[in-house]
Amino acid sequence: MTVYTLVPQEEFVAAIRTLAAALADDSWKPDFIIGVGRGGLAPAVFLSHATGLPMLSVDYSSQVKDFADEPLVKLARRTQSGERLLFLDDINDSGRTIGRLRAKLADGAAVPDSIRFATLIDNVSSLQTVDYRARTIDRRDTKDWFIFPWEAVAPDVTIAEDAAAVPERIA
């Protein structure tokens, strides 16, 4: 049985403050926060406000090439002129999204040291690593399906379908 865990707005805001503090404490400074659509868009807006950094986005979850692949090529080119990009998503679960992003950026000849990743929740058993995280879980132990504030308005059936889309995350 799937355990659905709501992430309250206050906890979400605290996670944003944790990420903002981690960025402030690091010598590496991004020029842009890149919200990864769909789950990273709301966090990116909040982190942009918390840090004063400008925000851009890629709509990677839709898999519409004009809104995913093409912006990644453009972003990769920006790193070649010295700009630094922080990609933000809600959760590093399997690592599949981050892996795809890294591969597309590499295909575009992005400068690796100019790209970092952050998530609100980081799964330590993921295939990918992130540079900044507000919370750590281990999917080998934690099978909860997290419902972030922006998802809480979705119909229950949609949330259940999203959770069931990759059963190994919650089984």
N, C-alpha and C. Protein backbone atom coordinates (compact mmCIF):
# COMPACT_ATOMS: atom_id res chain seq x y z
N MET A 1 0.84 -1.18 0.00
CA MET A 1 0.00 0.00 0.00
C MET A 1 0.89 1.25 0.00
N THR A 2 0.57 2.16 -0.87
CA THR A 2 1.36 3.38 -1.00
C THR A 2 1.10 4.32 0.17
N VAL A 3 2.18 4.85 0.73
CA VAL A 3 2.07 5.85 1.78
C VAL A 3 2.25 7.21 1.13
N TYR A 4 1.23 8.03 1.22
CA TYR A 4 1.28 9.38 0.66
C TYR A 4 1.65 10.35 1.77
N THR A 5 2.72 11.11 1.56
CA THR A 5 3.20 12.03 2.57
C THR A 5 3.13 13.45 2.04
N LEU A 6 2.25 14.23 2.66
CA LEU A 6 2.14 15.64 2.27
C LEU A 6 3.34 16.42 2.79
N VAL A 7 3.89 17.27 1.95
CA VAL A 7 4.95 18.19 2.36
C VAL A 7 4.25 19.52 2.62
N PRO A 8 4.12 19.91 3.88
CA PRO A 8 3.42 21.17 4.19
C PRO A 8 4.17 22.39 3.62
N GLN A 9 3.44 23.43 3.36
CA GLN A 9 4.03 24.67 2.83
C GLN A 9 5.19 25.15 3.71
N GLU A 10 5.03 25.08 5.02
CA GLU A 10 6.08 25.55 5.93
C GLU A 10 7.36 24.73 5.76
N GLU A 11 7.20 23.43 5.57
CA GLU A 11 8.36 22.55 5.37
C GLU A 11 9.03 22.85 4.02
N PHE A 12 8.21 23.11 3.02
CA PHE A 12 8.73 23.48 1.71
C PHE A 12 9.53 24.78 1.79
N VAL A 13 8.99 25.78 2.44
CA VAL A 13 9.70 27.05 2.59
C VAL A 13 10.99 26.86 3.39
N ALA A 14 10.95 26.04 4.42
CA ALA A 14 12.18 25.76 5.18
C ALA A 14 13.23 25.09 4.30
N ALA A 15 12.79 24.21 3.40
CA ALA A 15 13.73 23.56 2.48
C ALA A 15 14.37 24.58 1.54
N ILE A 16 13.58 25.53 1.08
CA ILE A 16 14.12 26.60 0.22
C ILE A 16 15.15 27.41 0.99
N ARG A 17 14.86 27.73 2.23
CA ARG A 17 15.81 28.49 3.05
C ARG A 17 17.10 27.68 3.28
N THR A 18 16.98 26.37 3.43
CA THR A 18 18.16 25.50 3.58
C THR A 18 19.02 25.56 2.33
N LEU A 19 18.39 25.46 1.17
CA LEU A 19 19.14 25.53 -0.09
C LEU A 19 19.77 26.91 -0.27
N ALA A 20 19.04 27.96 0.05
CA ALA A 20 19.58 29.32 -0.08
C ALA A 20 20.80 29.50 0.82
N ALA A 21 20.74 28.97 2.03
CA ALA A 21 21.87 29.07 2.96
C ALA A 21 23.07 28.29 2.44
N ALA A 22 22.82 27.11 1.87
CA ALA A 22 23.92 26.31 1.32
C ALA A 22 24.59 27.04 0.17
N LEU A 23 23.80 27.69 -0.66
CA LEU A 23 24.37 28.47 -1.77
C LEU A 23 25.17 29.66 -1.25
N ALA A 24 24.65 30.32 -0.24
CA ALA A 24 25.34 31.48 0.33
C ALA A 24 26.67 31.08 0.95
N ASP A 25 26.75 29.88 1.50
CA ASP A 25 27.96 29.41 2.16
C ASP A 25 29.01 28.85 1.20
N ASP A 26 28.62 28.63 -0.04
CA ASP A 26 29.52 28.01 -1.02
C ASP A 26 30.25 29.08 -1.83
N SER A 27 31.48 28.79 -2.20
CA SER A 27 32.23 29.73 -3.05
C SER A 27 31.76 29.67 -4.50
N TRP A 28 31.14 28.56 -4.91
CA TRP A 28 30.58 28.44 -6.25
C TRP A 28 29.26 29.19 -6.28
N LYS A 29 29.11 30.12 -7.20
CA LYS A 29 27.90 30.94 -7.28
C LYS A 29 27.27 30.81 -8.65
N PRO A 30 25.99 30.42 -8.70
CA PRO A 30 25.32 30.33 -10.00
C PRO A 30 24.93 31.71 -10.52
N ASP A 31 24.86 31.82 -11.83
CA ASP A 31 24.33 33.02 -12.47
C ASP A 31 22.82 32.92 -12.66
N PHE A 32 22.35 31.68 -12.81
CA PHE A 32 20.92 31.43 -13.01
C PHE A 32 20.51 30.18 -12.25
N ILE A 33 19.27 30.20 -11.78
CA ILE A 33 18.61 29.01 -11.27
C ILE A 33 17.74 28.51 -12.42
N ILE A 34 17.86 27.23 -12.72
CA ILE A 34 17.07 26.64 -13.80
C ILE A 34 16.04 25.70 -13.17
N GLY A 35 14.78 26.08 -13.23
CA GLY A 35 13.72 25.20 -12.74
C GLY A 35 13.45 24.10 -13.73
N VAL A 36 13.44 22.87 -13.25
CA VAL A 36 13.20 21.71 -14.11
C VAL A 36 11.72 21.38 -14.04
N GLY A 37 11.02 21.60 -15.16
CA GLY A 37 9.58 21.36 -15.22
C GLY A 37 9.27 19.87 -15.19
N ARG A 38 8.42 19.60 -14.37
CA ARG A 38 7.37 20.35 -13.73
C ARG A 38 7.66 20.56 -12.25
N GLY A 39 8.21 19.57 -11.58
CA GLY A 39 8.37 19.63 -10.13
C GLY A 39 9.35 20.66 -9.62
N GLY A 40 10.27 21.12 -10.45
CA GLY A 40 11.26 22.09 -9.99
C GLY A 40 10.89 23.53 -10.25
N LEU A 41 9.74 23.77 -10.89
CA LEU A 41 9.40 25.14 -11.25
C LEU A 41 9.03 25.99 -10.03
N ALA A 42 8.11 25.51 -9.21
CA ALA A 42 7.74 26.28 -8.01
C ALA A 42 8.94 26.46 -7.08
N PRO A 43 9.73 25.40 -6.80
CA PRO A 43 10.91 25.61 -5.97
C PRO A 43 11.89 26.64 -6.56
N ALA A 44 12.04 26.63 -7.88
CA ALA A 44 12.96 27.58 -8.51
C ALA A 44 12.49 29.02 -8.33
N VAL A 45 11.19 29.24 -8.42
CA VAL A 45 10.66 30.59 -8.20
C VAL A 45 10.97 31.03 -6.77
N PHE A 46 10.71 30.17 -5.82
CA PHE A 46 10.97 30.49 -4.41
C PHE A 46 12.46 30.72 -4.17
N LEU A 47 13.31 29.84 -4.71
CA LEU A 47 14.76 29.99 -4.50
C LEU A 47 15.28 31.25 -5.19
N SER A 48 14.71 31.59 -6.32
CA SER A 48 15.07 32.84 -7.00
C SER A 48 14.78 34.04 -6.10
N HIS A 49 13.61 34.04 -5.49
CA HIS A 49 13.27 35.13 -4.58
C HIS A 49 14.15 35.13 -3.34
N ALA A 50 14.46 33.95 -2.83
CA ALA A 50 15.28 33.85 -1.61
C ALA A 50 16.71 34.30 -1.83
N THR A 51 17.22 34.09 -3.04
CA THR A 51 18.63 34.41 -3.32
C THR A 51 18.83 35.67 -4.14
N GLY A 52 17.78 36.12 -4.79
CA GLY A 52 17.92 37.26 -5.69
C GLY A 52 18.49 36.89 -7.05
N LEU A 53 18.66 35.59 -7.29
CA LEU A 53 19.20 35.13 -8.57
C LEU A 53 18.08 35.01 -9.61
N PRO A 54 18.38 35.32 -10.86
CA PRO A 54 17.36 35.16 -11.90
C PRO A 54 17.07 33.68 -12.16
N MET A 55 15.85 33.43 -12.62
CA MET A 55 15.41 32.07 -12.87
C MET A 55 15.05 31.87 -14.33
N LEU A 56 15.44 30.72 -14.85
CA LEU A 56 15.03 30.26 -16.17
C LEU A 56 14.38 28.88 -15.96
N SER A 57 13.87 28.29 -17.03
CA SER A 57 13.26 26.97 -16.87
C SER A 57 13.44 26.11 -18.10
N VAL A 58 13.39 24.82 -17.88
CA VAL A 58 13.30 23.84 -18.95
C VAL A 58 12.12 22.94 -18.62
N ASP A 59 11.30 22.68 -19.59
CA ASP A 59 10.12 21.86 -19.37
C ASP A 59 10.45 20.43 -19.74
N TYR A 60 11.23 19.79 -18.90
CA TYR A 60 11.73 18.47 -19.25
C TYR A 60 10.71 17.36 -19.08
N SER A 61 9.80 17.50 -18.15
CA SER A 61 8.86 16.41 -17.88
C SER A 61 7.88 16.19 -19.03
N SER A 62 7.62 17.21 -19.83
CA SER A 62 6.67 17.06 -20.93
C SER A 62 7.26 16.30 -22.11
N GLN A 63 8.59 16.26 -22.20
CA GLN A 63 9.29 15.61 -23.31
C GLN A 63 8.95 16.24 -24.67
N VAL A 64 8.52 17.50 -24.67
CA VAL A 64 8.31 18.23 -25.91
C VAL A 64 9.65 18.87 -26.26
N LYS A 65 10.27 18.41 -27.34
CA LYS A 65 11.65 18.79 -27.65
C LYS A 65 11.88 20.30 -27.70
N ASP A 66 10.92 21.04 -28.25
CA ASP A 66 11.09 22.49 -28.33
C ASP A 66 11.24 23.14 -26.96
N PHE A 67 10.72 22.49 -25.94
CA PHE A 67 10.74 23.06 -24.60
C PHE A 67 11.71 22.36 -23.66
N ALA A 68 12.35 21.30 -24.14
CA ALA A 68 13.30 20.56 -23.31
C ALA A 68 14.68 20.56 -23.94
N ASP A 69 14.81 19.90 -25.08
CA ASP A 69 16.13 19.74 -25.70
C ASP A 69 16.73 21.06 -26.18
N GLU A 70 15.96 21.85 -26.87
CA GLU A 70 16.50 23.10 -27.42
C GLU A 70 16.97 24.06 -26.33
N PRO A 71 16.20 24.27 -25.27
CA PRO A 71 16.72 25.14 -24.20
C PRO A 71 17.99 24.59 -23.56
N LEU A 72 18.12 23.26 -23.47
CA LEU A 72 19.33 22.69 -22.89
C LEU A 72 20.55 22.96 -23.75
N VAL A 73 20.38 22.93 -25.06
CA VAL A 73 21.49 23.27 -25.97
C VAL A 73 21.89 24.73 -25.75
N LYS A 74 20.91 25.60 -25.66
CA LYS A 74 21.20 27.03 -25.43
C LYS A 74 21.87 27.24 -24.07
N LEU A 75 21.40 26.53 -23.06
CA LEU A 75 22.01 26.66 -21.74
C LEU A 75 23.44 26.13 -21.75
N ALA A 76 23.68 25.05 -22.45
CA ALA A 76 25.04 24.50 -22.56
C ALA A 76 25.97 25.54 -23.17
N ARG A 77 25.50 26.24 -24.18
CA ARG A 77 26.32 27.29 -24.80
C ARG A 77 26.65 28.42 -23.82
N ARG A 78 25.72 28.73 -22.96
CA ARG A 78 25.94 29.80 -21.99
C ARG A 78 27.10 29.46 -21.05
N THR A 79 27.25 28.17 -20.74
CA THR A 79 28.35 27.78 -19.85
C THR A 79 29.70 27.98 -20.53
N GLN A 80 29.72 27.95 -21.84
CA GLN A 80 30.96 28.12 -22.59
C GLN A 80 31.48 29.56 -22.49
N SER A 81 30.59 30.48 -22.14
CA SER A 81 31.01 31.87 -21.95
C SER A 81 31.23 32.18 -20.47
N GLY A 82 31.21 31.14 -19.63
CA GLY A 82 31.54 31.32 -18.22
C GLY A 82 30.36 31.38 -17.28
N GLU A 83 29.13 31.32 -17.78
CA GLU A 83 27.99 31.37 -16.88
C GLU A 83 27.82 30.05 -16.15
N ARG A 84 27.34 30.15 -14.93
CA ARG A 84 27.12 28.98 -14.08
C ARG A 84 25.62 28.78 -13.88
N LEU A 85 25.21 27.52 -13.94
CA LEU A 85 23.79 27.18 -13.89
C LEU A 85 23.51 26.20 -12.77
N LEU A 86 22.51 26.52 -11.98
CA LEU A 86 22.04 25.61 -10.94
C LEU A 86 20.68 25.07 -11.35
N PHE A 87 20.61 23.77 -11.63
CA PHE A 87 19.36 23.12 -11.97
C PHE A 87 18.68 22.67 -10.69
N LEU A 88 17.39 22.95 -10.57
CA LEU A 88 16.64 22.64 -9.36
C LEU A 88 15.42 21.81 -9.70
N ASP A 89 15.28 20.69 -8.99
CA ASP A 89 14.10 19.83 -9.14
C ASP A 89 13.57 19.53 -7.74
N ASP A 90 12.36 18.98 -7.67
CA ASP A 90 11.79 18.70 -6.37
C ASP A 90 12.46 17.51 -5.68
N ILE A 91 12.71 16.44 -6.45
CA ILE A 91 13.27 15.24 -5.83
C ILE A 91 14.23 14.56 -6.80
N ASN A 92 15.33 14.10 -6.27
CA ASN A 92 16.23 13.21 -6.99
C ASN A 92 15.83 11.82 -6.55
N ASP A 93 14.98 11.19 -7.33
CA ASP A 93 14.42 9.90 -6.94
C ASP A 93 15.25 8.77 -7.56
N SER A 94 14.97 8.41 -8.78
CA SER A 94 15.77 7.37 -9.45
C SER A 94 17.05 7.96 -10.04
N GLY A 95 17.02 9.26 -10.30
CA GLY A 95 18.15 9.91 -10.96
C GLY A 95 17.97 10.01 -12.46
N ARG A 96 16.88 9.47 -12.96
CA ARG A 96 16.65 9.45 -14.41
C ARG A 96 16.59 10.85 -15.02
N THR A 97 15.87 11.76 -14.41
CA THR A 97 15.77 13.12 -14.96
C THR A 97 17.13 13.81 -14.94
N ILE A 98 17.82 13.75 -13.82
CA ILE A 98 19.13 14.40 -13.73
C ILE A 98 20.10 13.78 -14.72
N GLY A 99 20.07 12.47 -14.86
CA GLY A 99 20.93 11.79 -15.82
C GLY A 99 20.67 12.26 -17.24
N ARG A 100 19.39 12.39 -17.60
CA ARG A 100 19.03 12.87 -18.94
C ARG A 100 19.50 14.30 -19.15
N LEU A 101 19.29 15.13 -18.13
CA LEU A 101 19.74 16.52 -18.24
C LEU A 101 21.25 16.60 -18.43
N ARG A 102 21.98 15.86 -17.63
CA ARG A 102 23.45 15.86 -17.75
C ARG A 102 23.89 15.39 -19.13
N ALA A 103 23.24 14.36 -19.66
CA ALA A 103 23.60 13.85 -20.98
C ALA A 103 23.32 14.88 -22.06
N LYS A 104 22.17 15.52 -22.01
CA LYS A 104 21.83 16.54 -23.02
C LYS A 104 22.77 17.73 -22.92
N LEU A 105 23.11 18.14 -21.71
CA LEU A 105 24.04 19.25 -21.54
C LEU A 105 25.43 18.88 -22.06
N ALA A 106 25.85 17.66 -21.81
CA ALA A 106 27.15 17.19 -22.31
C ALA A 106 27.13 17.14 -23.84
N ASP A 107 26.01 16.70 -24.42
CA ASP A 107 25.88 16.69 -25.89
C ASP A 107 26.03 18.09 -26.46
N GLY A 108 25.60 19.09 -25.68
CA GLY A 108 25.71 20.49 -26.10
C GLY A 108 27.04 21.11 -25.74
N ALA A 109 27.99 20.31 -25.27
CA ALA A 109 29.34 20.75 -24.90
C ALA A 109 29.34 21.73 -23.73
N ALA A 110 28.45 21.49 -22.77
CA ALA A 110 28.44 22.32 -21.56
C ALA A 110 29.73 22.12 -20.79
N VAL A 111 30.16 23.17 -20.13
CA VAL A 111 31.35 23.10 -19.27
C VAL A 111 30.92 22.47 -17.95
N PRO A 112 31.43 21.26 -17.64
CA PRO A 112 30.93 20.52 -16.46
C PRO A 112 31.01 21.30 -15.14
N ASP A 113 32.07 22.05 -14.91
CA ASP A 113 32.21 22.78 -13.65
C ASP A 113 31.25 23.97 -13.54
N SER A 114 30.54 24.25 -14.61
CA SER A 114 29.60 25.37 -14.61
C SER A 114 28.17 24.93 -14.32
N ILE A 115 27.99 23.66 -14.04
CA ILE A 115 26.64 23.12 -13.82
C ILE A 115 26.59 22.39 -12.49
N ARG A 116 25.56 22.70 -11.73
CA ARG A 116 25.31 21.98 -10.48
C ARG A 116 23.82 21.68 -10.39
N PHE A 117 23.50 20.74 -9.49
CA PHE A 117 22.11 20.30 -9.31
C PHE A 117 21.73 20.39 -7.84
N ALA A 118 20.46 20.76 -7.62
CA ALA A 118 19.91 20.84 -6.27
C ALA A 118 18.51 20.22 -6.29
N THR A 119 18.13 19.65 -5.16
CA THR A 119 16.78 19.12 -5.00
C THR A 119 16.30 19.37 -3.58
N LEU A 120 15.01 19.40 -3.44
CA LEU A 120 14.43 19.51 -2.09
C LEU A 120 14.68 18.21 -1.33
N ILE A 121 14.48 17.08 -2.01
CA ILE A 121 14.70 15.76 -1.40
C ILE A 121 15.68 15.00 -2.28
N ASP A 122 16.70 14.44 -1.65
CA ASP A 122 17.72 13.68 -2.36
C ASP A 122 17.71 12.24 -1.89
N ASN A 123 17.56 11.32 -2.82
CA ASN A 123 17.61 9.89 -2.54
C ASN A 123 19.06 9.44 -2.64
N VAL A 124 19.66 9.03 -1.53
CA VAL A 124 21.08 8.66 -1.52
C VAL A 124 21.36 7.40 -2.33
N SER A 125 20.33 6.61 -2.63
CA SER A 125 20.54 5.42 -3.45
C SER A 125 20.19 5.66 -4.92
N SER A 126 20.04 6.91 -5.29
CA SER A 126 19.79 7.28 -6.68
C SER A 126 21.02 7.00 -7.54
N LEU A 127 20.80 6.86 -8.82
CA LEU A 127 21.90 6.67 -9.76
C LEU A 127 22.67 7.97 -10.00
N GLN A 128 22.10 9.09 -9.62
CA GLN A 128 22.73 10.40 -9.81
C GLN A 128 22.92 11.09 -8.46
N THR A 129 23.90 11.96 -8.41
CA THR A 129 24.14 12.74 -7.20
C THR A 129 23.78 14.20 -7.46
N VAL A 130 23.48 14.90 -6.37
CA VAL A 130 23.23 16.33 -6.46
C VAL A 130 24.23 17.06 -5.57
N ASP A 131 24.38 18.34 -5.83
CA ASP A 131 25.34 19.15 -5.10
C ASP A 131 24.74 19.78 -3.85
N TYR A 132 23.44 20.05 -3.91
CA TYR A 132 22.74 20.69 -2.79
C TYR A 132 21.43 19.96 -2.57
N ARG A 133 21.07 19.82 -1.31
CA ARG A 133 19.82 19.16 -0.96
C ARG A 133 19.33 19.75 0.35
N ALA A 134 18.01 19.74 0.53
CA ALA A 134 17.45 20.19 1.79
C ALA A 134 17.18 19.01 2.72
N ARG A 135 16.91 17.85 2.14
CA ARG A 135 16.56 16.65 2.92
C ARG A 135 17.10 15.43 2.18
N THR A 136 17.49 14.43 2.94
CA THR A 136 18.00 13.20 2.36
C THR A 136 17.12 12.03 2.79
N ILE A 137 16.83 11.15 1.84
CA ILE A 137 16.13 9.90 2.12
C ILE A 137 16.92 8.77 1.46
N ASP A 138 16.54 7.57 1.76
CA ASP A 138 17.09 6.40 1.07
C ASP A 138 15.90 5.57 0.62
N ARG A 139 15.69 5.49 -0.69
CA ARG A 139 14.54 4.78 -1.24
C ARG A 139 14.56 3.29 -0.89
N ARG A 140 15.69 2.77 -0.48
CA ARG A 140 15.71 1.37 -0.04
C ARG A 140 14.89 1.21 1.24
N ASP A 141 14.76 2.31 2.00
CA ASP A 141 14.01 2.29 3.26
C ASP A 141 12.73 3.11 3.20
N THR A 142 12.79 4.27 2.57
CA THR A 142 11.66 5.20 2.53
C THR A 142 10.91 5.04 1.22
N LYS A 143 9.70 4.55 1.29
CA LYS A 143 8.89 4.30 0.09
C LYS A 143 7.75 5.29 -0.08
N ASP A 144 7.70 6.30 0.78
CA ASP A 144 6.61 7.29 0.72
C ASP A 144 6.58 7.98 -0.63
N TRP A 145 5.38 8.33 -1.06
CA TRP A 145 5.20 9.18 -2.23
C TRP A 145 4.96 10.58 -1.69
N PHE A 146 5.90 11.48 -1.96
CA PHE A 146 5.81 12.84 -1.42
C PHE A 146 4.92 13.70 -2.30
N ILE A 147 4.02 14.42 -1.64
CA ILE A 147 3.11 15.32 -2.34
C ILE A 147 3.47 16.74 -1.92
N PHE A 148 4.06 17.47 -2.85
CA PHE A 148 4.48 18.84 -2.59
C PHE A 148 3.29 19.78 -2.68
N PRO A 149 3.41 20.99 -2.12
CA PRO A 149 2.26 21.90 -2.08
C PRO A 149 1.60 22.14 -3.44
N TRP A 150 2.38 22.26 -4.50
CA TRP A 150 1.81 22.53 -5.82
C TRP A 150 1.11 21.31 -6.41
N GLU A 151 1.38 20.12 -5.87
CA GLU A 151 0.72 18.91 -6.34
C GLU A 151 -0.55 18.61 -5.55
N ALA A 152 -0.67 19.20 -4.38
CA ALA A 152 -1.77 18.88 -3.47
C ALA A 152 -3.14 19.23 -4.06
N VAL A 153 -3.18 20.06 -5.08
CA VAL A 153 -4.45 20.43 -5.71
C VAL A 153 -4.88 19.43 -6.78
N ALA A 154 -4.02 18.49 -7.12
CA ALA A 154 -4.35 17.49 -8.14
C ALA A 154 -5.38 16.51 -7.61
N PRO A 155 -6.21 15.97 -8.49
CA PRO A 155 -7.15 14.94 -8.05
C PRO A 155 -6.40 13.72 -7.50
N ASP A 156 -6.99 13.07 -6.53
CA ASP A 156 -6.37 11.89 -5.91
C ASP A 156 -5.96 10.85 -6.94
N VAL A 157 -6.79 10.66 -7.96
CA VAL A 157 -6.50 9.65 -8.98
C VAL A 157 -5.22 10.01 -9.74
N THR A 158 -4.99 11.29 -9.98
CA THR A 158 -3.78 11.72 -10.69
C THR A 158 -2.55 11.48 -9.83
N ILE A 159 -2.65 11.78 -8.55
CA ILE A 159 -1.53 11.54 -7.63
C ILE A 159 -1.22 10.04 -7.59
N ALA A 160 -2.25 9.22 -7.53
CA ALA A 160 -2.05 7.77 -7.49
C ALA A 160 -1.41 7.28 -8.79
N GLU A 161 -1.83 7.83 -9.92
CA GLU A 161 -1.23 7.44 -11.21
C GLU A 161 0.24 7.84 -11.27
N ASP A 162 0.56 9.05 -10.79
CA ASP A 162 1.95 9.49 -10.77
C ASP A 162 2.80 8.57 -9.90
N ALA A 163 2.28 8.22 -8.73
CA ALA A 163 3.03 7.35 -7.82
C ALA A 163 3.24 5.97 -8.43
N ALA A 164 2.24 5.46 -9.15
CA ALA A 164 2.32 4.12 -9.72
C ALA A 164 3.15 4.07 -11.01
N ALA A 165 3.50 5.21 -11.57
CA ALA A 165 4.20 5.24 -12.86
C ALA A 165 5.56 4.53 -12.80
N VAL A 166 6.23 4.61 -11.68
CA VAL A 166 7.51 3.91 -11.50
C VAL A 166 7.40 3.15 -10.17
N PRO A 167 6.84 1.95 -10.23
CA PRO A 167 6.50 1.22 -9.00
C PRO A 167 7.68 0.93 -8.08
N GLU A 168 8.87 0.77 -8.62
CA GLU A 168 10.01 0.43 -7.75
C GLU A 168 10.36 1.55 -6.76
N ARG A 169 9.90 2.76 -7.03
CA ARG A 169 10.17 3.86 -6.08
C ARG A 169 9.39 3.68 -4.79
N ILE A 170 8.22 3.08 -4.86
CA ILE A 170 7.34 3.01 -3.70
C ILE A 170 7.06 1.59 -3.24
N ALA A 171 7.64 0.61 -3.92
CA ALA A 171 7.36 -0.79 -3.56
C ALA A 171 8.38 -1.34 -2.59
